[in-house]
Amino acid sequence: MAAEEGHVIGVHTVEAWKEHLEKGNGSKKLIVVDFTASWCGPCRFIAPILAEIAKKLPNVTFLKVDVDELKTVAEEWAVDAMPTFLFLKEGKLVDKVVGAQKDQLQAAITKHATTDA
């Protein structure tokens, strides 16, 4: 499963989730994970904004996880509100933005995409 640069990648299985994390650990690239739900209005609002950011930053991996589809992954990362954006580097949580906060999201991505691990 090749990660498409400049896109938000939907993760639909625990196996795919683990594969993306392992790939991120090896590359030391920033991974931004959008924990979302089909019934969540603010999630639908922020999705196209995240997609636009992803197009501009091919050096960052953007993943989208539906909390109803991958409950175990959401629980493992203590996600209890949607949308929640987790920022991971080398498998470690480096930041978190809860809610459809466009400016906070953009600032966190910029901050972590430019700092070296």
PDB file of N, CA and C in Angstrom:
ATOM      1  N   MET A   1       0.851  -1.183   0.000  1.00  0.00           N
ATOM      2  CA  MET A   1       0.000   0.000   0.000  1.00  0.00           C
ATOM      3  C   MET A   1       0.888   1.235   0.000  1.00  0.00           C
ATOM      4  N   ALA A   2       1.032   1.847  -1.138  1.00  0.00           N
ATOM      5  CA  ALA A   2       1.899   3.019  -1.265  1.00  0.00           C
ATOM      6  C   ALA A   2       1.176   4.261  -0.773  1.00  0.00           C
ATOM      7  N   ALA A   3       1.844   5.032   0.032  1.00  0.00           N
ATOM      8  CA  ALA A   3       1.278   6.289   0.510  1.00  0.00           C
ATOM      9  C   ALA A   3       1.316   7.285  -0.636  1.00  0.00           C
ATOM     10  N   GLU A   4       0.174   7.888  -0.912  1.00  0.00           N
ATOM     11  CA  GLU A   4       0.125   8.889  -1.973  1.00  0.00           C
ATOM     12  C   GLU A   4       0.573  10.221  -1.403  1.00  0.00           C
ATOM     13  N   GLU A   5       1.573  10.793  -2.011  1.00  0.00           N
ATOM     14  CA  GLU A   5       2.052  12.087  -1.537  1.00  0.00           C
ATOM     15  C   GLU A   5       1.046  13.163  -1.916  1.00  0.00           C
ATOM     16  N   GLY A   6       0.838  14.074  -1.004  1.00  0.00           N
ATOM     17  CA  GLY A   6      -0.071  15.173  -1.272  1.00  0.00           C
ATOM     18  C   GLY A   6      -1.533  14.823  -1.135  1.00  0.00           C
ATOM     19  N   HIS A   7      -1.827  13.717  -0.467  1.00  0.00           N
ATOM     20  CA  HIS A   7      -3.211  13.293  -0.269  1.00  0.00           C
ATOM     21  C   HIS A   7      -3.433  12.897   1.187  1.00  0.00           C
ATOM     22  N   VAL A   8      -4.713  12.891   1.571  1.00  0.00           N
ATOM     23  CA  VAL A   8      -5.091  12.350   2.871  1.00  0.00           C
ATOM     24  C   VAL A   8      -5.470  10.896   2.611  1.00  0.00           C
ATOM     25  N   ILE A   9      -4.802   9.983   3.306  1.00  0.00           N
ATOM     26  CA  ILE A   9      -4.976   8.550   3.068  1.00  0.00           C
ATOM     27  C   ILE A   9      -5.954   7.968   4.073  1.00  0.00           C
ATOM     28  N   GLY A  10      -7.021   7.374   3.576  1.00  0.00           N
ATOM     29  CA  GLY A  10      -7.986   6.710   4.448  1.00  0.00           C
ATOM     30  C   GLY A  10      -7.417   5.397   4.954  1.00  0.00           C
ATOM     31  N   VAL A  11      -7.463   5.188   6.259  1.00  0.00           N
ATOM     32  CA  VAL A  11      -6.956   3.953   6.864  1.00  0.00           C
ATOM     33  C   VAL A  11      -8.171   3.159   7.361  1.00  0.00           C
ATOM     34  N   HIS A  12      -8.363   1.955   6.804  1.00  0.00           N
ATOM     35  CA  HIS A  12      -9.591   1.208   7.083  1.00  0.00           C
ATOM     36  C   HIS A  12      -9.390  -0.086   7.851  1.00  0.00           C
ATOM     37  N   THR A  13      -8.134  -0.465   8.102  1.00  0.00           N
ATOM     38  CA  THR A  13      -7.880  -1.685   8.870  1.00  0.00           C
ATOM     39  C   THR A  13      -6.768  -1.416   9.882  1.00  0.00           C
ATOM     40  N   VAL A  14      -6.764  -2.200  10.941  1.00  0.00           N
ATOM     41  CA  VAL A  14      -5.716  -2.073  11.955  1.00  0.00           C
ATOM     42  C   VAL A  14      -4.361  -2.391  11.324  1.00  0.00           C
ATOM     43  N   GLU A  15      -4.343  -3.351  10.401  1.00  0.00           N
ATOM     44  CA  GLU A  15      -3.095  -3.731   9.728  1.00  0.00           C
ATOM     45  C   GLU A  15      -2.541  -2.543   8.935  1.00  0.00           C
ATOM     46  N   ALA A  16      -3.418  -1.846   8.212  1.00  0.00           N
ATOM     47  CA  ALA A  16      -2.981  -0.690   7.426  1.00  0.00           C
ATOM     48  C   ALA A  16      -2.476   0.409   8.358  1.00  0.00           C
ATOM     49  N   TRP A  17      -3.144   0.590   9.495  1.00  0.00           N
ATOM     50  CA  TRP A  17      -2.723   1.583  10.493  1.00  0.00           C
ATOM     51  C   TRP A  17      -1.300   1.285  10.955  1.00  0.00           C
ATOM     52  N   LYS A  18      -1.061   0.030  11.332  1.00  0.00           N
ATOM     53  CA  LYS A  18       0.274  -0.356  11.820  1.00  0.00           C
ATOM     54  C   LYS A  18       1.329  -0.174  10.730  1.00  0.00           C
ATOM     55  N   GLU A  19       0.959  -0.495   9.501  1.00  0.00           N
ATOM     56  CA  GLU A  19       1.883  -0.366   8.375  1.00  0.00           C
ATOM     57  C   GLU A  19       2.296   1.101   8.177  1.00  0.00           C
ATOM     58  N   HIS A  20       1.317   2.013   8.251  1.00  0.00           N
ATOM     59  CA  HIS A  20       1.617   3.443   8.089  1.00  0.00           C
ATOM     60  C   HIS A  20       2.485   3.957   9.237  1.00  0.00           C
ATOM     61  N   LEU A  21       2.207   3.482  10.457  1.00  0.00           N
ATOM     62  CA  LEU A  21       3.015   3.912  11.604  1.00  0.00           C
ATOM     63  C   LEU A  21       4.452   3.439  11.457  1.00  0.00           C
ATOM     64  N   GLU A  22       4.623   2.191  11.061  1.00  0.00           N
ATOM     65  CA  GLU A  22       5.975   1.645  10.885  1.00  0.00           C
ATOM     66  C   GLU A  22       6.732   2.407   9.804  1.00  0.00           C
ATOM     67  N   LYS A  23       6.033   2.721   8.708  1.00  0.00           N
ATOM     68  CA  LYS A  23       6.644   3.480   7.620  1.00  0.00           C
ATOM     69  C   LYS A  23       7.080   4.861   8.117  1.00  0.00           C
ATOM     70  N   GLY A  24       6.234   5.474   8.927  1.00  0.00           N
ATOM     71  CA  GLY A  24       6.540   6.788   9.493  1.00  0.00           C
ATOM     72  C   GLY A  24       7.725   6.735  10.439  1.00  0.00           C
ATOM     73  N   ASN A  25       7.797   5.664  11.222  1.00  0.00           N
ATOM     74  CA  ASN A  25       8.923   5.499  12.151  1.00  0.00           C
ATOM     75  C   ASN A  25      10.231   5.436  11.388  1.00  0.00           C
ATOM     76  N   GLY A  26      10.223   4.709  10.285  1.00  0.00           N
ATOM     77  CA  GLY A  26      11.436   4.536   9.488  1.00  0.00           C
ATOM     78  C   GLY A  26      11.853   5.806   8.777  1.00  0.00           C
ATOM     79  N   SER A  27      10.871   6.577   8.293  1.00  0.00           N
ATOM     80  CA  SER A  27      11.192   7.765   7.494  1.00  0.00           C
ATOM     81  C   SER A  27      11.404   9.012   8.340  1.00  0.00           C
ATOM     82  N   LYS A  28      10.974   8.961   9.601  1.00  0.00           N
ATOM     83  CA  LYS A  28      11.041  10.115  10.515  1.00  0.00           C
ATOM     84  C   LYS A  28      10.179  11.285  10.037  1.00  0.00           C
ATOM     85  N   LYS A  29       9.260  11.021   9.094  1.00  0.00           N
ATOM     86  CA  LYS A  29       8.366  12.066   8.608  1.00  0.00           C
ATOM     87  C   LYS A  29       7.260  12.322   9.633  1.00  0.00           C
ATOM     88  N   LEU A  30       6.738  13.524   9.619  1.00  0.00           N
ATOM     89  CA  LEU A  30       5.588  13.858  10.450  1.00  0.00           C
ATOM     90  C   LEU A  30       4.365  13.130   9.897  1.00  0.00           C
ATOM     91  N   ILE A  31       3.579  12.533  10.804  1.00  0.00           N
ATOM     92  CA  ILE A  31       2.306  11.924  10.430  1.00  0.00           C
ATOM     93  C   ILE A  31       1.211  12.712  11.138  1.00  0.00           C
ATOM     94  N   VAL A  32       0.249  13.204  10.355  1.00  0.00           N
ATOM     95  CA  VAL A  32      -0.909  13.896  10.913  1.00  0.00           C
ATOM     96  C   VAL A  32      -2.096  12.958  10.746  1.00  0.00           C
ATOM     97  N   VAL A  33      -2.726  12.603  11.875  1.00  0.00           N
ATOM     98  CA  VAL A  33      -3.854  11.663  11.831  1.00  0.00           C
ATOM     99  C   VAL A  33      -5.134  12.416  12.167  1.00  0.00           C
ATOM    100  N   ASP A  34      -6.099  12.345  11.257  1.00  0.00           N
ATOM    101  CA  ASP A  34      -7.416  12.949  11.444  1.00  0.00           C
ATOM    102  C   ASP A  34      -8.361  11.841  11.922  1.00  0.00           C
ATOM    103  N   PHE A  35      -8.727  11.883  13.206  1.00  0.00           N
ATOM    104  CA  PHE A  35      -9.728  10.948  13.726  1.00  0.00           C
ATOM    105  C   PHE A  35     -11.083  11.596  13.498  1.00  0.00           C
ATOM    106  N   THR A  36     -11.916  10.945  12.699  1.00  0.00           N
ATOM    107  CA  THR A  36     -13.151  11.532  12.223  1.00  0.00           C
ATOM    108  C   THR A  36     -14.302  10.543  12.365  1.00  0.00           C
ATOM    109  N   ALA A  37     -15.504  10.980  12.008  1.00  0.00           N
ATOM    110  CA  ALA A  37     -16.680  10.107  11.997  1.00  0.00           C
ATOM    111  C   ALA A  37     -17.630  10.612  10.915  1.00  0.00           C
ATOM    112  N   SER A  38     -18.321   9.685  10.268  1.00  0.00           N
ATOM    113  CA  SER A  38     -19.207  10.060   9.164  1.00  0.00           C
ATOM    114  C   SER A  38     -20.346  10.966   9.617  1.00  0.00           C
ATOM    115  N   TRP A  39     -20.755  10.839  10.874  1.00  0.00           N
ATOM    116  CA  TRP A  39     -21.877  11.622  11.403  1.00  0.00           C
ATOM    117  C   TRP A  39     -21.466  12.969  11.990  1.00  0.00           C
ATOM    118  N   CYS A  40     -20.175  13.297  11.934  1.00  0.00           N
ATOM    119  CA  CYS A  40     -19.640  14.487  12.597  1.00  0.00           C
ATOM    120  C   CYS A  40     -19.611  15.685  11.642  1.00  0.00           C
ATOM    121  N   GLY A  41     -20.443  16.704  11.912  1.00  0.00           N
ATOM    122  CA  GLY A  41     -20.512  17.904  11.070  1.00  0.00           C
ATOM    123  C   GLY A  41     -19.200  18.666  10.982  1.00  0.00           C
ATOM    124  N   PRO A  42     -18.570  18.984  12.117  1.00  0.00           N
ATOM    125  CA  PRO A  42     -17.284  19.706  12.055  1.00  0.00           C
ATOM    126  C   PRO A  42     -16.206  18.927  11.293  1.00  0.00           C
ATOM    127  N   CYS A  43     -16.282  17.593  11.323  1.00  0.00           N
ATOM    128  CA  CYS A  43     -15.316  16.767  10.584  1.00  0.00           C
ATOM    129  C   CYS A  43     -15.471  17.006   9.078  1.00  0.00           C
ATOM    130  N   ARG A  44     -16.727  17.085   8.636  1.00  0.00           N
ATOM    131  CA  ARG A  44     -16.983  17.324   7.205  1.00  0.00           C
ATOM    132  C   ARG A  44     -16.530  18.722   6.806  1.00  0.00           C
ATOM    133  N   PHE A  45     -16.625  19.675   7.737  1.00  0.00           N
ATOM    134  CA  PHE A  45     -16.181  21.046   7.480  1.00  0.00           C
ATOM    135  C   PHE A  45     -14.662  21.110   7.291  1.00  0.00           C
ATOM    136  N   ILE A  46     -13.917  20.409   8.133  1.00  0.00           N
ATOM    137  CA  ILE A  46     -12.458  20.535   8.139  1.00  0.00           C
ATOM    138  C   ILE A  46     -11.788  19.629   7.088  1.00  0.00           C
ATOM    139  N   ALA A  47     -12.470  18.595   6.634  1.00  0.00           N
ATOM    140  CA  ALA A  47     -11.869  17.627   5.692  1.00  0.00           C
ATOM    141  C   ALA A  47     -11.291  18.277   4.432  1.00  0.00           C
ATOM    142  N   PRO A  48     -12.035  19.154   3.731  1.00  0.00           N
ATOM    143  CA  PRO A  48     -11.442  19.768   2.526  1.00  0.00           C
ATOM    144  C   PRO A  48     -10.273  20.697   2.845  1.00  0.00           C
ATOM    145  N   ILE A  49     -10.281  21.289   4.021  1.00  0.00           N
ATOM    146  CA  ILE A  49      -9.176  22.166   4.442  1.00  0.00           C
ATOM    147  C   ILE A  49      -7.919  21.320   4.635  1.00  0.00           C
ATOM    148  N   LEU A  50      -8.077  20.167   5.309  1.00  0.00           N
ATOM    149  CA  LEU A  50      -6.950  19.258   5.515  1.00  0.00           C
ATOM    150  C   LEU A  50      -6.422  18.759   4.166  1.00  0.00           C
ATOM    151  N   ALA A  51      -7.320  18.468   3.242  1.00  0.00           N
ATOM    152  CA  ALA A  51      -6.921  17.990   1.912  1.00  0.00           C
ATOM    153  C   ALA A  51      -6.086  19.049   1.183  1.00  0.00           C
ATOM    154  N   GLU A  52      -6.476  20.321   1.321  1.00  0.00           N
ATOM    155  CA  GLU A  52      -5.714  21.412   0.695  1.00  0.00           C
ATOM    156  C   GLU A  52      -4.312  21.525   1.305  1.00  0.00           C
ATOM    157  N   ILE A  53      -4.237  21.412   2.632  1.00  0.00           N
ATOM    158  CA  ILE A  53      -2.940  21.471   3.314  1.00  0.00           C
ATOM    159  C   ILE A  53      -2.068  20.305   2.842  1.00  0.00           C
ATOM    160  N   ALA A  54      -2.670  19.126   2.736  1.00  0.00           N
ATOM    161  CA  ALA A  54      -1.931  17.923   2.318  1.00  0.00           C
ATOM    162  C   ALA A  54      -1.319  18.099   0.929  1.00  0.00           C
ATOM    163  N   LYS A  55      -2.042  18.754   0.024  1.00  0.00           N
ATOM    164  CA  LYS A  55      -1.532  18.972  -1.334  1.00  0.00           C
ATOM    165  C   LYS A  55      -0.258  19.807  -1.322  1.00  0.00           C
ATOM    166  N   LYS A  56      -0.167  20.718  -0.359  1.00  0.00           N
ATOM    167  CA  LYS A  56       0.980  21.627  -0.299  1.00  0.00           C
ATOM    168  C   LYS A  56       2.174  21.031   0.444  1.00  0.00           C
ATOM    169  N   LEU A  57       1.965  19.931   1.177  1.00  0.00           N
ATOM    170  CA  LEU A  57       3.034  19.368   2.003  1.00  0.00           C
ATOM    171  C   LEU A  57       3.259  17.876   1.723  1.00  0.00           C
ATOM    172  N   PRO A  58       3.886  17.560   0.593  1.00  0.00           N
ATOM    173  CA  PRO A  58       4.115  16.148   0.270  1.00  0.00           C
ATOM    174  C   PRO A  58       5.097  15.461   1.218  1.00  0.00           C
ATOM    175  N   ASN A  59       5.829  16.253   2.024  1.00  0.00           N
ATOM    176  CA  ASN A  59       6.794  15.669   2.968  1.00  0.00           C
ATOM    177  C   ASN A  59       6.135  15.255   4.287  1.00  0.00           C
ATOM    178  N   VAL A  60       4.819  15.472   4.404  1.00  0.00           N
ATOM    179  CA  VAL A  60       4.070  15.071   5.597  1.00  0.00           C
ATOM    180  C   VAL A  60       3.064  14.002   5.195  1.00  0.00           C
ATOM    181  N   THR A  61       2.908  12.970   6.023  1.00  0.00           N
ATOM    182  CA  THR A  61       1.919  11.929   5.758  1.00  0.00           C
ATOM    183  C   THR A  61       0.627  12.286   6.481  1.00  0.00           C
ATOM    184  N   PHE A  62      -0.468  12.332   5.737  1.00  0.00           N
ATOM    185  CA  PHE A  62      -1.785  12.639   6.309  1.00  0.00           C
ATOM    186  C   PHE A  62      -2.656  11.389   6.261  1.00  0.00           C
ATOM    187  N   LEU A  63      -3.140  10.970   7.422  1.00  0.00           N
ATOM    188  CA  LEU A  63      -3.995   9.789   7.516  1.00  0.00           C
ATOM    189  C   LEU A  63      -5.358  10.186   8.058  1.00  0.00           C
ATOM    190  N   LYS A  64      -6.393   9.448   7.631  1.00  0.00           N
ATOM    191  CA  LYS A  64      -7.743   9.684   8.135  1.00  0.00           C
ATOM    192  C   LYS A  64      -8.262   8.370   8.695  1.00  0.00           C
ATOM    193  N   VAL A  65      -8.720   8.407   9.957  1.00  0.00           N
ATOM    194  CA  VAL A  65      -9.229   7.214  10.628  1.00  0.00           C
ATOM    195  C   VAL A  65     -10.667   7.490  11.080  1.00  0.00           C
ATOM    196  N   ASP A  66     -11.599   6.637  10.654  1.00  0.00           N
ATOM    197  CA  ASP A  66     -12.992   6.730  11.109  1.00  0.00           C
ATOM    198  C   ASP A  66     -13.080   6.000  12.451  1.00  0.00           C
ATOM    199  N   VAL A  67     -13.467   6.729  13.503  1.00  0.00           N
ATOM    200  CA  VAL A  67     -13.463   6.146  14.846  1.00  0.00           C
ATOM    201  C   VAL A  67     -14.465   5.001  14.999  1.00  0.00           C
ATOM    202  N   ASP A  68     -15.517   5.004  14.186  1.00  0.00           N
ATOM    203  CA  ASP A  68     -16.483   3.899  14.250  1.00  0.00           C
ATOM    204  C   ASP A  68     -15.952   2.653  13.552  1.00  0.00           C
ATOM    205  N   GLU A  69     -15.122   2.876  12.541  1.00  0.00           N
ATOM    206  CA  GLU A  69     -14.534   1.778  11.774  1.00  0.00           C
ATOM    207  C   GLU A  69     -13.355   1.143  12.521  1.00  0.00           C
ATOM    208  N   LEU A  70     -12.529   1.987  13.147  1.00  0.00           N
ATOM    209  CA  LEU A  70     -11.341   1.504  13.858  1.00  0.00           C
ATOM    210  C   LEU A  70     -11.395   1.944  15.323  1.00  0.00           C
ATOM    211  N   LYS A  71     -12.394   1.430  16.038  1.00  0.00           N
ATOM    212  CA  LYS A  71     -12.584   1.789  17.455  1.00  0.00           C
ATOM    213  C   LYS A  71     -11.346   1.510  18.292  1.00  0.00           C
ATOM    214  N   THR A  72     -10.690   0.384  18.047  1.00  0.00           N
ATOM    215  CA  THR A  72      -9.535   0.004  18.862  1.00  0.00           C
ATOM    216  C   THR A  72      -8.389   1.006  18.711  1.00  0.00           C
ATOM    217  N   VAL A  73      -8.194   1.523  17.497  1.00  0.00           N
ATOM    218  CA  VAL A  73      -7.135   2.505  17.263  1.00  0.00           C
ATOM    219  C   VAL A  73      -7.484   3.807  17.984  1.00  0.00           C
ATOM    220  N   ALA A  74      -8.749   4.231  17.878  1.00  0.00           N
ATOM    221  CA  ALA A  74      -9.186   5.461  18.554  1.00  0.00           C
ATOM    222  C   ALA A  74      -9.011   5.322  20.068  1.00  0.00           C
ATOM    223  N   GLU A  75      -9.359   4.154  20.618  1.00  0.00           N
ATOM    224  CA  GLU A  75      -9.224   3.926  22.058  1.00  0.00           C
ATOM    225  C   GLU A  75      -7.750   3.899  22.477  1.00  0.00           C
ATOM    226  N   GLU A  76      -6.933   3.260  21.653  1.00  0.00           N
ATOM    227  CA  GLU A  76      -5.502   3.151  21.940  1.00  0.00           C
ATOM    228  C   GLU A  76      -4.857   4.542  22.074  1.00  0.00           C
ATOM    229  N   TRP A  77      -5.333   5.502  21.288  1.00  0.00           N
ATOM    230  CA  TRP A  77      -4.775   6.859  21.307  1.00  0.00           C
ATOM    231  C   TRP A  77      -5.648   7.814  22.118  1.00  0.00           C
ATOM    232  N   ALA A  78      -6.592   7.281  22.892  1.00  0.00           N
ATOM    233  CA  ALA A  78      -7.450   8.063  23.801  1.00  0.00           C
ATOM    234  C   ALA A  78      -8.203   9.185  23.092  1.00  0.00           C
ATOM    235  N   VAL A  79      -8.738   8.878  21.906  1.00  0.00           N
ATOM    236  CA  VAL A  79      -9.512   9.859  21.156  1.00  0.00           C
ATOM    237  C   VAL A  79     -10.960   9.769  21.614  1.00  0.00           C
ATOM    238  N   ASP A  80     -11.485  10.876  22.145  1.00  0.00           N
ATOM    239  CA  ASP A  80     -12.867  10.844  22.621  1.00  0.00           C
ATOM    240  C   ASP A  80     -13.706  12.000  22.089  1.00  0.00           C
ATOM    241  N   ALA A  81     -13.166  12.792  21.178  1.00  0.00           N
ATOM    242  CA  ALA A  81     -13.925  13.861  20.538  1.00  0.00           C
ATOM    243  C   ALA A  81     -13.519  13.905  19.063  1.00  0.00           C
ATOM    244  N   MET A  82     -14.450  14.301  18.209  1.00  0.00           N
ATOM    245  CA  MET A  82     -14.148  14.396  16.787  1.00  0.00           C
ATOM    246  C   MET A  82     -14.408  15.820  16.302  1.00  0.00           C
ATOM    247  N   PRO A  83     -13.572  16.315  15.385  1.00  0.00           N
ATOM    248  CA  PRO A  83     -12.336  15.652  14.952  1.00  0.00           C
ATOM    249  C   PRO A  83     -11.208  15.863  15.973  1.00  0.00           C
ATOM    250  N   THR A  84     -10.326  14.876  16.052  1.00  0.00           N
ATOM    251  CA  THR A  84      -9.086  15.010  16.823  1.00  0.00           C
ATOM    252  C   THR A  84      -7.945  14.762  15.848  1.00  0.00           C
ATOM    253  N   PHE A  85      -6.982  15.644  15.872  1.00  0.00           N
ATOM    254  CA  PHE A  85      -5.803  15.511  15.019  1.00  0.00           C
ATOM    255  C   PHE A  85      -4.604  15.205  15.895  1.00  0.00           C
ATOM    256  N   LEU A  86      -3.956  14.073  15.619  1.00  0.00           N
ATOM    257  CA  LEU A  86      -2.749  13.706  16.355  1.00  0.00           C
ATOM    258  C   LEU A  86      -1.550  13.908  15.434  1.00  0.00           C
ATOM    259  N   PHE A  87      -0.469  14.375  16.017  1.00  0.00           N
ATOM    260  CA  PHE A  87       0.767  14.628  15.282  1.00  0.00           C
ATOM    261  C   PHE A  87       1.815  13.658  15.822  1.00  0.00           C
ATOM    262  N   LEU A  88       2.274  12.761  14.968  1.00  0.00           N
ATOM    263  CA  LEU A  88       3.190  11.711  15.395  1.00  0.00           C
ATOM    264  C   LEU A  88       4.528  11.837  14.666  1.00  0.00           C
ATOM    265  N   LYS A  89       5.592  11.616  15.439  1.00  0.00           N
ATOM    266  CA  LYS A  89       6.936  11.526  14.852  1.00  0.00           C
ATOM    267  C   LYS A  89       7.625  10.335  15.490  1.00  0.00           C
ATOM    268  N   GLU A  90       8.111   9.457  14.645  1.00  0.00           N
ATOM    269  CA  GLU A  90       8.797   8.241  15.103  1.00  0.00           C
ATOM    270  C   GLU A  90       7.949   7.477  16.125  1.00  0.00           C
ATOM    271  N   GLY A  91       6.631   7.448  15.879  1.00  0.00           N
ATOM    272  CA  GLY A  91       5.730   6.679  16.729  1.00  0.00           C
ATOM    273  C   GLY A  91       5.321   7.373  18.015  1.00  0.00           C
ATOM    274  N   LYS A  92       5.824   8.572  18.241  1.00  0.00           N
ATOM    275  CA  LYS A  92       5.500   9.297  19.478  1.00  0.00           C
ATOM    276  C   LYS A  92       4.588  10.472  19.191  1.00  0.00           C
ATOM    277  N   LEU A  93       3.651  10.701  20.109  1.00  0.00           N
ATOM    278  CA  LEU A  93       2.737  11.835  20.002  1.00  0.00           C
ATOM    279  C   LEU A  93       3.501  13.121  20.320  1.00  0.00           C
ATOM    280  N   VAL A  94       3.529  14.059  19.363  1.00  0.00           N
ATOM    281  CA  VAL A  94       4.232  15.322  19.596  1.00  0.00           C
ATOM    282  C   VAL A  94       3.274  16.497  19.744  1.00  0.00           C
ATOM    283  N   ASP A  95       2.011  16.309  19.331  1.00  0.00           N
ATOM    284  CA  ASP A  95       1.029  17.389  19.465  1.00  0.00           C
ATOM    285  C   ASP A  95      -0.364  16.827  19.211  1.00  0.00           C
ATOM    286  N   LYS A  96      -1.375  17.641  19.574  1.00  0.00           N
ATOM    287  CA  LYS A  96      -2.767  17.216  19.418  1.00  0.00           C
ATOM    288  C   LYS A  96      -3.631  18.461  19.265  1.00  0.00           C
ATOM    289  N   VAL A  97      -4.562  18.431  18.308  1.00  0.00           N
ATOM    290  CA  VAL A  97      -5.541  19.505  18.146  1.00  0.00           C
ATOM    291  C   VAL A  97      -6.911  18.850  18.170  1.00  0.00           C
ATOM    292  N   VAL A  98      -7.785  19.326  19.063  1.00  0.00           N
ATOM    293  CA  VAL A  98      -9.139  18.774  19.163  1.00  0.00           C
ATOM    294  C   VAL A  98     -10.118  19.803  18.626  1.00  0.00           C
ATOM    295  N   GLY A  99     -10.992  19.349  17.717  1.00  0.00           N
ATOM    296  CA  GLY A  99     -11.996  20.231  17.131  1.00  0.00           C
ATOM    297  C   GLY A  99     -11.580  20.734  15.760  1.00  0.00           C
ATOM    298  N   ALA A 100     -12.548  21.306  15.047  1.00  0.00           N
ATOM    299  CA  ALA A 100     -12.297  21.814  13.695  1.00  0.00           C
ATOM    300  C   ALA A 100     -11.674  23.206  13.783  1.00  0.00           C
ATOM    301  N   GLN A 101     -10.481  23.265  14.343  1.00  0.00           N
ATOM    302  CA  GLN A 101      -9.756  24.527  14.576  1.00  0.00           C
ATOM    303  C   GLN A 101      -8.754  24.734  13.444  1.00  0.00           C
ATOM    304  N   LYS A 102      -9.214  25.382  12.373  1.00  0.00           N
ATOM    305  CA  LYS A 102      -8.389  25.536  11.179  1.00  0.00           C
ATOM    306  C   LYS A 102      -7.031  26.183  11.477  1.00  0.00           C
ATOM    307  N   ASP A 103      -7.028  27.284  12.220  1.00  0.00           N
ATOM    308  CA  ASP A 103      -5.773  28.001  12.482  1.00  0.00           C
ATOM    309  C   ASP A 103      -4.823  27.200  13.365  1.00  0.00           C
ATOM    310  N   GLN A 104      -5.383  26.569  14.410  1.00  0.00           N
ATOM    311  CA  GLN A 104      -4.555  25.733  15.299  1.00  0.00           C
ATOM    312  C   GLN A 104      -3.969  24.555  14.522  1.00  0.00           C
ATOM    313  N   LEU A 105      -4.790  23.953  13.665  1.00  0.00           N
ATOM    314  CA  LEU A 105      -4.358  22.814  12.870  1.00  0.00           C
ATOM    315  C   LEU A 105      -3.208  23.223  11.952  1.00  0.00           C
ATOM    316  N   GLN A 106      -3.400  24.327  11.236  1.00  0.00           N
ATOM    317  CA  GLN A 106      -2.370  24.822  10.318  1.00  0.00           C
ATOM    318  C   GLN A 106      -1.074  25.141  11.073  1.00  0.00           C
ATOM    319  N   ALA A 107      -1.203  25.798  12.235  1.00  0.00           N
ATOM    320  CA  ALA A 107      -0.021  26.178  13.024  1.00  0.00           C
ATOM    321  C   ALA A 107       0.738  24.943  13.507  1.00  0.00           C
ATOM    322  N   ALA A 108       0.015  23.937  13.981  1.00  0.00           N
ATOM    323  CA  ALA A 108       0.661  22.722  14.485  1.00  0.00           C
ATOM    324  C   ALA A 108       1.361  21.972  13.352  1.00  0.00           C
ATOM    325  N   ILE A 109       0.725  21.907  12.196  1.00  0.00           N
ATOM    326  CA  ILE A 109       1.337  21.219  11.052  1.00  0.00           C
ATOM    327  C   ILE A 109       2.616  21.954  10.651  1.00  0.00           C
ATOM    328  N   THR A 110       2.530  23.269  10.528  1.00  0.00           N
ATOM    329  CA  THR A 110       3.698  24.059  10.145  1.00  0.00           C
ATOM    330  C   THR A 110       4.836  23.883  11.134  1.00  0.00           C
ATOM    331  N   LYS A 111       4.497  23.960  12.412  1.00  0.00           N
ATOM    332  CA  LYS A 111       5.512  23.826  13.470  1.00  0.00           C
ATOM    333  C   LYS A 111       6.243  22.485  13.395  1.00  0.00           C
ATOM    334  N   HIS A 112       5.483  21.401  13.284  1.00  0.00           N
ATOM    335  CA  HIS A 112       6.096  20.071  13.349  1.00  0.00           C
ATOM    336  C   HIS A 112       6.645  19.580  12.004  1.00  0.00           C
ATOM    337  N   ALA A 113       6.147  20.136  10.912  1.00  0.00           N
ATOM    338  CA  ALA A 113       6.648  19.719   9.589  1.00  0.00           C
ATOM    339  C   ALA A 113       8.037  20.297   9.357  1.00  0.00           C
ATOM    340  N   THR A 114       8.350  21.412  10.033  1.00  0.00           N
ATOM    341  CA  THR A 114       9.617  22.075   9.774  1.00  0.00           C
ATOM    342  C   THR A 114      10.692  21.771  10.806  1.00  0.00           C
ATOM    343  N   THR A 115      10.300  21.184  11.951  1.00  0.00           N
ATOM    344  CA  THR A 115      11.311  20.860  12.973  1.00  0.00           C
ATOM    345  C   THR A 115      11.827  19.456  12.738  1.00  0.00           C
ATOM    346  N   ASP A 116      13.109  19.298  12.883  1.00  0.00           N
ATOM    347  CA  ASP A 116      13.715  17.970  12.719  1.00  0.00           C
ATOM    348  C   ASP A 116      13.568  17.190  14.018  1.00  0.00           C
ATOM    349  N   ALA A 117      13.378  15.899  13.845  1.00  0.00           N
ATOM    350  CA  ALA A 117      13.219  15.032  15.029  1.00  0.00           C
ATOM    351  C   ALA A 117      14.535  14.892  15.749  1.00  0.00           C
TER     352      ALA A 117
END
